[in-house]
Amino acid sequence: MTPALRAALYDFEEAPVRTALADAIVPDADIHLCHPFGDLTGPDALYDTAFAPLHAAFPDLERRDYIQIDGDTEQGGTWIGTAGYYTGRFHAPFLDIPPTGHQAHMRFHEFYRIEDGQTVEMHAIWDIPELMTQAQAWPMSPSLGREWLTPSPATQDGLGPHSGDGGTNLETVRNMLIHMGKHPKEGGPEVMEMERFWHPRFSWYGPAGIGTARGTQAFRDWHQIPFLSAMPDRGSYRDQMEYHFFAQGAYVGVTGWPNMRQHLTHDGWLGIAPSGKQVEMCSLDFWRLENGLIRENWVLLDMLDIYRQLGVDVLARMREFGKARKAPHASW
């Protein structure tokens, strides 16, 4: 994310944004966006497919970043990770989500692989379900966690300057993930040793449809237990996935497209009946550590794509529910 591109997206107008995208992204860049946008090539396709309809829905669109880190991965790539939200007055439909007429927000995590100063690969998840919830048009099961405007880092230092390469913090996160993967195969919650890695007052900021959880018990109640009850083989296919970890200062980031694979079984998940199907997930994450413990964790999943793989078209279901808003009142 170059300063010029961030400035153009903050005061969003088509011409300067197109110019900044063309300067920052090579013409044949591999662009991987969340559902329903999919895989694209180059900055023009990125603008026409995603930014143009978003700007049409939010004429005063602006982007607000609260995290940006960069670093090298063990694969040898250089990545920049950004987090924040797009906001403005929700004036016209976006992907048929009905406008509210009020200011609205849509969280993003966007990762860029850099070569010779330009983006050659991009992974991005926009929290589209977050807009649905604000429009009171979420057609699936309600979140177990807290739905709100996810906050910026408590320390207000997400945009840097970041001191240190973050190597020790990265090792802590990777070790935490190894221990998390031990449950449920190797025993109960105690095998995760969460107190070794997580601050007693940590906040886990999940995507809309899952929500935020505060502390170990809430994290387990509102996310982990439902997730593992439905997909106990989580982590069994790590050798088939790609992970790009990097760190800077107190922050650690990871991307992968996809970076999880498991089967939906048992009691199902998020109100979806168990199908036995294997699903792939894209999870773009940031962690902030304090004194060697994880204090905050921002997580975005491509929720609409998970539903799609299970045969549920969330946008189509939303459109069906939305008919009631347009239907004439019956005469008695």
Protein backbone atom coordinates (compact mmCIF):
# COMPACT_ATOMS: atom_id res chain seq x y z
CA MET A 1 0.00 0.00 0.00
CA THR A 2 1.79 3.11 -1.22
CA PRO A 3 1.16 6.51 0.41
CA ALA A 4 -0.24 7.76 -2.90
CA LEU A 5 -2.75 4.91 -3.13
CA ARG A 6 -3.81 5.30 0.49
CA ALA A 7 -4.32 9.05 -0.02
CA ALA A 8 -6.38 8.45 -3.18
CA LEU A 9 -8.59 5.88 -1.44
CA TYR A 10 -9.12 8.22 1.52
CA ASP A 11 -10.56 11.00 -0.68
CA PHE A 12 -12.05 8.60 -3.20
CA GLU A 13 -12.54 9.85 -6.74
CA GLU A 14 -12.37 7.64 -9.82
CA ALA A 15 -9.55 9.28 -11.80
CA PRO A 16 -6.96 9.58 -9.00
CA VAL A 17 -7.78 6.11 -7.67
CA ARG A 18 -7.34 4.55 -11.11
CA THR A 19 -4.02 6.36 -11.52
CA ALA A 20 -2.78 5.31 -8.09
CA LEU A 21 -3.81 1.69 -8.68
CA ALA A 22 -2.00 1.64 -12.03
CA ASP A 23 1.14 3.03 -10.40
CA ALA A 24 1.04 0.56 -7.49
CA ILE A 25 -0.06 -2.68 -9.22
CA VAL A 26 1.51 -4.33 -12.27
CA PRO A 27 -0.85 -4.92 -15.24
CA ASP A 28 -0.77 -8.71 -14.92
CA ALA A 29 -0.99 -8.90 -11.12
CA ASP A 30 -2.86 -11.85 -9.64
CA ILE A 31 -5.79 -10.39 -7.70
CA HIS A 32 -7.68 -12.72 -5.34
CA LEU A 33 -10.81 -11.14 -3.88
CA CYS A 34 -13.55 -12.49 -1.66
CA HIS A 35 -16.81 -13.85 -3.04
CA PRO A 36 -18.58 -12.77 -5.21
CA PHE A 37 -15.72 -10.90 -6.95
CA GLY A 38 -13.33 -13.85 -7.36
CA ASP A 39 -9.98 -13.91 -9.14
CA LEU A 40 -8.98 -10.99 -11.36
CA THR A 41 -5.97 -9.75 -13.27
CA GLY A 42 -4.53 -6.27 -12.92
CA PRO A 43 -5.60 -2.90 -11.52
CA ASP A 44 -8.27 -2.08 -14.11
CA ALA A 45 -10.20 -5.26 -13.35
CA LEU A 46 -9.85 -4.53 -9.64
CA TYR A 47 -11.37 -1.10 -10.05
CA ASP A 48 -14.15 -2.07 -12.48
CA THR A 49 -15.23 -5.22 -10.61
CA ALA A 50 -14.98 -4.12 -6.97
CA PHE A 51 -14.27 -0.43 -6.46
CA ALA A 52 -16.66 0.96 -9.07
CA PRO A 53 -19.81 -0.63 -7.57
CA LEU A 54 -18.65 0.25 -4.06
CA HIS A 55 -18.14 3.89 -5.05
CA ALA A 56 -21.55 3.93 -6.75
CA ALA A 57 -23.11 2.81 -3.46
CA PHE A 58 -21.02 5.20 -1.35
CA PRO A 59 -20.54 8.43 -3.36
CA ASP A 60 -18.46 9.95 -0.53
CA LEU A 61 -16.44 6.74 -0.06
CA GLU A 62 -13.32 6.89 2.07
CA ARG A 63 -10.90 4.29 3.31
CA ARG A 64 -9.52 4.35 6.85
CA ASP A 65 -6.49 2.17 7.64
CA TYR A 66 -5.57 1.26 11.19
CA ILE A 67 -2.91 -1.43 10.61
CA GLN A 68 -0.11 -1.60 8.06
CA ILE A 69 2.90 -3.87 8.40
CA ASP A 70 5.40 -5.30 5.96
CA GLY A 71 7.98 -8.04 6.05
CA ASP A 72 9.57 -11.01 4.35
CA THR A 73 8.19 -14.54 4.55
CA GLU A 74 10.00 -17.85 4.76
CA GLN A 75 9.06 -18.41 1.11
CA GLY A 76 11.18 -15.40 0.19
CA GLY A 77 8.34 -13.01 -0.65
CA THR A 78 7.87 -9.47 0.62
CA TRP A 79 4.33 -8.70 1.76
CA ILE A 80 2.44 -5.66 3.00
CA GLY A 81 -0.61 -6.31 5.18
CA THR A 82 -3.29 -3.67 5.76
CA ALA A 83 -6.47 -3.56 7.83
CA GLY A 84 -9.18 -0.96 8.27
CA TYR A 85 -12.60 -0.18 6.88
CA TYR A 86 -14.35 1.57 4.02
CA THR A 87 -17.00 4.05 5.06
CA GLY A 88 -19.36 6.73 3.80
CA ARG A 89 -23.08 7.32 3.41
CA PHE A 90 -24.71 4.13 2.15
CA HIS A 91 -26.68 5.86 -0.61
CA ALA A 92 -27.41 3.15 -3.22
CA PRO A 93 -27.50 -0.68 -3.26
CA PHE A 94 -24.22 -2.58 -3.16
CA LEU A 95 -24.45 -6.17 -4.44
CA ASP A 96 -28.21 -5.66 -3.91
CA ILE A 97 -27.71 -4.94 -0.20
CA PRO A 98 -30.30 -2.25 0.45
CA PRO A 99 -28.89 1.18 1.33
CA THR A 100 -29.48 2.58 4.79
CA GLY A 101 -29.13 6.27 3.96
CA HIS A 102 -26.79 6.51 6.95
CA GLN A 103 -23.04 6.24 7.33
CA ALA A 104 -21.99 2.61 7.18
CA HIS A 105 -18.72 0.71 7.38
CA MET A 106 -17.21 -2.38 5.78
CA ARG A 107 -14.06 -3.85 7.25
CA PHE A 108 -11.19 -5.02 5.03
CA HIS A 109 -7.98 -7.01 5.27
CA GLU A 110 -5.80 -6.60 2.17
CA PHE A 111 -2.38 -8.17 1.58
CA TYR A 112 0.02 -7.25 -1.22
CA ARG A 113 3.08 -9.16 -2.43
CA ILE A 114 5.70 -6.71 -3.64
CA GLU A 115 8.39 -7.05 -6.30
CA ASP A 116 10.50 -4.10 -7.45
CA GLY A 117 8.25 -1.69 -5.59
CA GLN A 118 4.96 -2.82 -7.16
CA THR A 119 2.21 -5.27 -6.24
CA VAL A 120 2.33 -8.53 -8.19
CA GLU A 121 -0.21 -10.44 -6.08
CA MET A 122 -3.09 -9.32 -3.85
CA HIS A 123 -5.32 -11.14 -1.36
CA ALA A 124 -8.32 -9.19 -0.06
CA ILE A 125 -11.38 -9.91 2.05
CA TRP A 126 -14.07 -7.27 2.42
CA ASP A 127 -16.54 -7.98 5.23
CA ILE A 128 -19.61 -7.78 3.00
CA PRO A 129 -21.85 -9.48 5.61
CA GLU A 130 -21.04 -6.52 7.89
CA LEU A 131 -22.95 -4.27 5.49
CA MET A 132 -25.86 -6.72 5.45
CA THR A 133 -26.16 -6.58 9.22
CA GLN A 134 -26.21 -2.76 9.20
CA ALA A 135 -28.93 -2.85 6.54
CA GLN A 136 -30.85 -5.41 8.65
CA ALA A 137 -30.60 -7.74 5.67
CA TRP A 138 -28.45 -10.60 7.06
CA PRO A 139 -30.32 -13.74 5.92
CA MET A 140 -28.43 -16.38 7.91
CA SER A 141 -28.16 -17.32 11.58
CA PRO A 142 -27.32 -14.43 13.92
CA SER A 143 -23.79 -14.06 15.23
CA LEU A 144 -22.96 -15.62 18.57
CA GLY A 145 -20.34 -12.93 19.18
CA ARG A 146 -20.62 -9.15 19.38
CA GLU A 147 -21.31 -7.28 16.13
CA TRP A 148 -19.90 -3.73 16.07
CA LEU A 149 -17.43 -1.44 14.38
CA THR A 150 -14.24 -3.39 15.07
CA PRO A 151 -11.76 -1.07 16.76
CA SER A 152 -8.27 -0.07 15.78
CA PRO A 153 -5.39 -1.28 18.00
CA ALA A 154 -5.71 -0.22 21.62
CA THR A 155 -2.21 1.27 21.42
CA GLN A 156 -3.12 3.32 18.32
CA ASP A 157 0.21 2.42 16.68
CA GLY A 158 -0.95 0.10 13.93
CA LEU A 159 0.37 2.34 11.16
CA GLY A 160 3.82 2.56 12.72
CA PRO A 161 6.55 3.38 12.93
CA HIS A 162 7.15 -0.21 14.03
CA SER A 163 10.33 -0.91 15.98
CA GLY A 164 11.94 -4.32 15.56
CA ASP A 165 11.42 -7.05 13.00
CA GLY A 166 8.89 -8.92 15.16
CA GLY A 167 10.67 -12.25 14.85
CA THR A 168 10.06 -13.28 18.46
CA ASN A 169 6.39 -12.33 18.23
CA LEU A 170 6.04 -14.31 15.00
CA GLU A 171 7.46 -17.39 16.72
CA THR A 172 4.98 -16.94 19.57
CA VAL A 173 2.06 -16.83 17.13
CA ARG A 174 3.23 -19.86 15.19
CA ASN A 175 3.79 -21.80 18.42
CA MET A 176 0.30 -20.77 19.58
CA LEU A 177 -1.22 -22.10 16.37
CA ILE A 178 0.60 -25.41 16.79
CA HIS A 179 -0.81 -25.77 20.29
CA MET A 180 -4.31 -24.73 19.19
CA GLY A 181 -4.16 -27.49 16.59
CA LYS A 182 -3.65 -30.13 19.28
CA HIS A 183 -7.26 -29.79 20.40
CA PRO A 184 -9.47 -31.82 20.04
CA LYS A 185 -7.30 -34.62 18.61
CA GLU A 186 -4.80 -34.75 21.49
CA GLY A 187 -7.04 -33.87 24.41
CA GLY A 188 -9.27 -31.24 25.96
CA PRO A 189 -8.84 -27.48 26.03
CA GLU A 190 -5.86 -27.77 28.37
CA VAL A 191 -3.61 -29.07 25.57
CA MET A 192 -3.83 -25.67 23.86
CA GLU A 193 -2.09 -24.03 26.85
CA MET A 194 -3.84 -20.77 26.00
CA GLU A 195 -2.49 -19.01 29.07
CA ARG A 196 1.02 -19.34 27.58
CA PHE A 197 0.11 -17.30 24.52
CA TRP A 198 -2.98 -15.17 25.14
CA HIS A 199 -3.31 -12.14 27.38
CA PRO A 200 -6.03 -12.56 30.07
CA ARG A 201 -7.87 -9.58 28.53
CA PHE A 202 -7.42 -10.43 24.88
CA SER A 203 -9.98 -9.47 22.23
CA TRP A 204 -10.68 -11.69 19.21
CA TYR A 205 -12.28 -9.68 16.40
CA GLY A 206 -14.00 -12.14 14.06
CA PRO A 207 -15.92 -11.41 10.86
CA ALA A 208 -19.60 -10.51 10.71
CA GLY A 209 -21.53 -13.74 11.15
CA ILE A 210 -19.20 -14.77 13.99
CA GLY A 211 -18.45 -11.51 15.81
CA THR A 212 -16.10 -10.39 18.57
CA ALA A 213 -15.20 -12.34 21.70
CA ARG A 214 -13.39 -11.09 24.81
CA GLY A 215 -11.17 -13.44 26.80
CA THR A 216 -10.60 -17.18 26.72
CA GLN A 217 -14.06 -18.35 27.77
CA ALA A 218 -15.93 -16.07 25.36
CA PHE A 219 -13.54 -17.03 22.53
CA ARG A 220 -14.29 -20.69 23.19
CA ASP A 221 -18.04 -20.18 23.66
CA TRP A 222 -18.74 -17.94 20.68
CA HIS A 223 -16.21 -19.20 18.13
CA GLN A 224 -13.96 -22.15 18.88
CA ILE A 225 -16.43 -24.66 20.32
CA PRO A 226 -19.00 -24.20 17.49
CA PHE A 227 -16.19 -24.28 14.90
CA LEU A 228 -14.47 -27.42 16.18
CA SER A 229 -17.75 -29.19 16.94
CA ALA A 230 -18.63 -28.84 13.27
CA MET A 231 -15.14 -29.33 11.82
CA PRO A 232 -13.02 -31.43 14.20
CA ASP A 233 -10.54 -32.31 11.42
CA ARG A 234 -9.38 -28.67 11.31
CA GLY A 235 -5.62 -28.59 10.73
CA SER A 236 -5.39 -32.06 9.20
CA TYR A 237 -4.43 -30.78 5.76
CA ARG A 238 -1.80 -28.16 6.59
CA ASP A 239 0.70 -29.72 4.21
CA GLN A 240 -1.70 -28.93 1.35
CA MET A 241 -2.13 -25.27 2.29
CA GLU A 242 -0.03 -22.14 1.85
CA TYR A 243 0.77 -19.71 4.64
CA HIS A 244 2.63 -16.43 4.34
CA PHE A 245 3.64 -15.24 7.82
CA PHE A 246 5.49 -11.99 8.44
CA ALA A 247 5.92 -9.61 11.34
CA GLN A 248 6.93 -6.09 12.21
CA GLY A 249 7.29 -4.79 15.75
CA ALA A 250 4.34 -5.86 17.92
CA TYR A 251 2.32 -7.07 14.93
CA VAL A 252 2.16 -10.40 13.08
CA GLY A 253 0.21 -11.06 9.89
CA VAL A 254 -0.66 -14.11 7.83
CA THR A 255 -2.33 -14.66 4.50
CA GLY A 256 -2.98 -17.65 2.27
CA TRP A 257 -5.42 -18.35 -0.56
CA PRO A 258 -6.70 -20.73 0.77
CA ASN A 259 -5.05 -21.54 4.10
CA MET A 260 -7.57 -23.91 5.75
CA ARG A 261 -9.32 -27.08 4.66
CA GLN A 262 -11.73 -29.28 6.67
CA HIS A 263 -15.02 -31.18 6.53
CA LEU A 264 -18.34 -29.82 7.79
CA THR A 265 -19.85 -32.61 9.89
CA HIS A 266 -21.63 -33.33 13.19
CA ASP A 267 -24.06 -30.54 14.15
CA GLY A 268 -23.14 -28.15 11.35
CA TRP A 269 -21.89 -24.60 11.72
CA LEU A 270 -23.47 -21.13 11.72
CA GLY A 271 -26.88 -22.65 11.18
CA ILE A 272 -25.73 -24.66 8.14
CA ALA A 273 -26.73 -28.31 8.24
CA PRO A 274 -23.80 -30.77 8.20
CA SER A 275 -23.04 -31.83 4.65
CA GLY A 276 -19.90 -33.92 5.07
CA LYS A 277 -18.34 -31.69 2.40
CA GLN A 278 -14.76 -30.54 2.52
CA VAL A 279 -14.52 -26.75 2.45
CA GLU A 280 -11.60 -24.44 1.89
CA MET A 281 -11.26 -21.18 3.80
CA CYS A 282 -9.29 -18.03 3.27
CA SER A 283 -8.37 -16.39 6.58
CA LEU A 284 -6.41 -13.13 6.63
CA ASP A 285 -5.26 -12.37 10.18
CA PHE A 286 -3.36 -9.86 12.32
CA TRP A 287 -2.17 -10.27 15.91
CA ARG A 288 -0.84 -7.61 18.29
CA LEU A 289 1.32 -8.75 21.17
CA GLU A 290 2.13 -7.13 24.52
CA ASN A 291 5.03 -8.45 26.60
CA GLY A 292 5.03 -11.70 24.66
CA LEU A 293 1.27 -12.33 24.89
CA ILE A 294 -1.43 -11.85 22.25
CA ARG A 295 -3.64 -8.95 23.30
CA GLU A 296 -5.65 -8.43 20.09
CA ASN A 297 -6.42 -10.63 17.07
CA TRP A 298 -8.19 -9.36 13.94
CA VAL A 299 -9.60 -12.19 11.79
CA LEU A 300 -11.45 -12.07 8.48
CA LEU A 301 -12.81 -15.15 6.71
CA ASP A 302 -14.38 -15.19 3.27
CA MET A 303 -17.72 -16.09 4.81
CA LEU A 304 -19.79 -15.81 1.64
CA ASP A 305 -17.45 -18.23 -0.15
CA ILE A 306 -17.75 -20.76 2.69
CA TYR A 307 -21.52 -20.69 2.29
CA ARG A 308 -21.14 -20.92 -1.50
CA GLN A 309 -19.10 -24.12 -1.22
CA LEU A 310 -21.89 -25.62 0.86
CA GLY A 311 -24.52 -24.78 -1.73
CA VAL A 312 -25.93 -21.69 0.00
CA ASP A 313 -26.09 -18.48 -2.06
CA VAL A 314 -26.29 -15.88 0.71
CA LEU A 315 -26.79 -12.97 -1.70
CA ALA A 316 -29.66 -14.78 -3.44
CA ARG A 317 -31.27 -15.56 -0.09
CA MET A 318 -30.90 -11.92 0.92
CA ARG A 319 -32.62 -10.84 -2.31
CA GLU A 320 -35.54 -13.18 -1.57
CA PHE A 321 -35.94 -11.76 1.92
CA GLY A 322 -35.62 -8.27 0.47
CA LYS A 323 -38.76 -8.68 -1.63
CA ALA A 324 -40.81 -7.88 1.45
CA ARG A 325 -39.34 -4.38 1.53
CA LYS A 326 -40.62 -3.74 -1.97
CA ALA A 327 -43.94 -5.58 -1.77
CA PRO A 328 -47.10 -3.41 -1.72
CA HIS A 329 -49.13 -3.47 1.45
CA ALA A 330 -52.12 -5.77 1.24
CA SER A 331 -55.60 -4.17 1.16
CA TRP A 332 -58.11 -5.52 3.55
